Structures are given as C-alpha cells and as structure tokens.
C-alpha cells in the first residue's frame, strides 16, 4: 500500500513540475541573439529577450508605479502582459528623445540585421546586430535625469504571429 501511495505522490510531483516548466516557457526569456557595440568612447550595456509566440503589439514604458516594461501580446485572441525589468534609473525618465537619433539599416543577412543608431549631433553612436524577424524593428529612445539614454528595440506588428524580440541599450552619459 505504501509503495502505491509513493508512486501516486511521485506522479503528482512530476505533473506539477511539468506544468510549472511549461508555464515558464510562456514568459519572456533572456536572449543573447542581439549584439551591441559602441562606436565611440561611451559606455553601453544591453539586454534582450525573446517574447512568447503571438502578435507582439508593443511595450508600456516603466514608471514610478511599475519599474518594469510591460510587453503587450495577443495570443489566441487573449491579451497578455509580461513584465521585463527596466534598467536602474529609468523608472523616472525625463523625456523621449527618439527624434534626436537616426536609425539606419546597414545590412541584412540570412540570420541578422545590422543597424547603426547615431545621435543627430554625432556625439554618440552604436551598432546593433539583431536577429532577422518577419516583422520590422521599431526603435524608441528615452533619457533620464542623469543624462543616460535608453534605446529600446522591438519587432512589433498588428498581424504577424511568431516569437517576438525586445531589448534595450543603456548609453551612459560620460560628460
């Protein structure tokens, strides 16, 4: 009798572990598919994430009430929101400065797209290598009170359903 109960307990435990494991696959996971290089003597750091399959609709910016990016996804006609931690100092960004930057697609290969992002005043520039996606990349730039800038990149679409890609680059103000 004890052996039967032990088998039942082990099967239940395995089922719970499987369900938890499958649930984790339905949230954004850290990715090393992006590469970023500073084209100057400023410091950069970056993170990127693979977004679960669905129609990737966009991201809500961090705020004092929620220090995460909220990724907006539609999957099987259900809206889903996932939190991705924002870098320190960007829960209170001063303004969006996307208009101060130029983003140019330099090259496309079978697996990646290479972009150059450059400030219009030529003070800062980076090169981004991003995975080739069905959707086009969109870029936004936020600036915080310390003068650091955050370039956010994502492949969003109103209709294409596949795994999304989201990330950011922090460019430190060295002045």
Foldseek 3Di string as FASTA:
>chain_A
DVVVVVVVVVVVVVVVVVVVVVVVLQAKDWDPQKDKDWPDPWDKDKTKTKHAWAAFAAWDFAAPVGQFIWTWGADPNDTDTHTDHDDPQRNAFDDWDQVQKDKDFDDDDPFWTKIKIAGPVRPTIMIMIHTDDPADKDWIWTAHPQGKIKIKIWGGDPDDTDIIMIMIMITHDPD
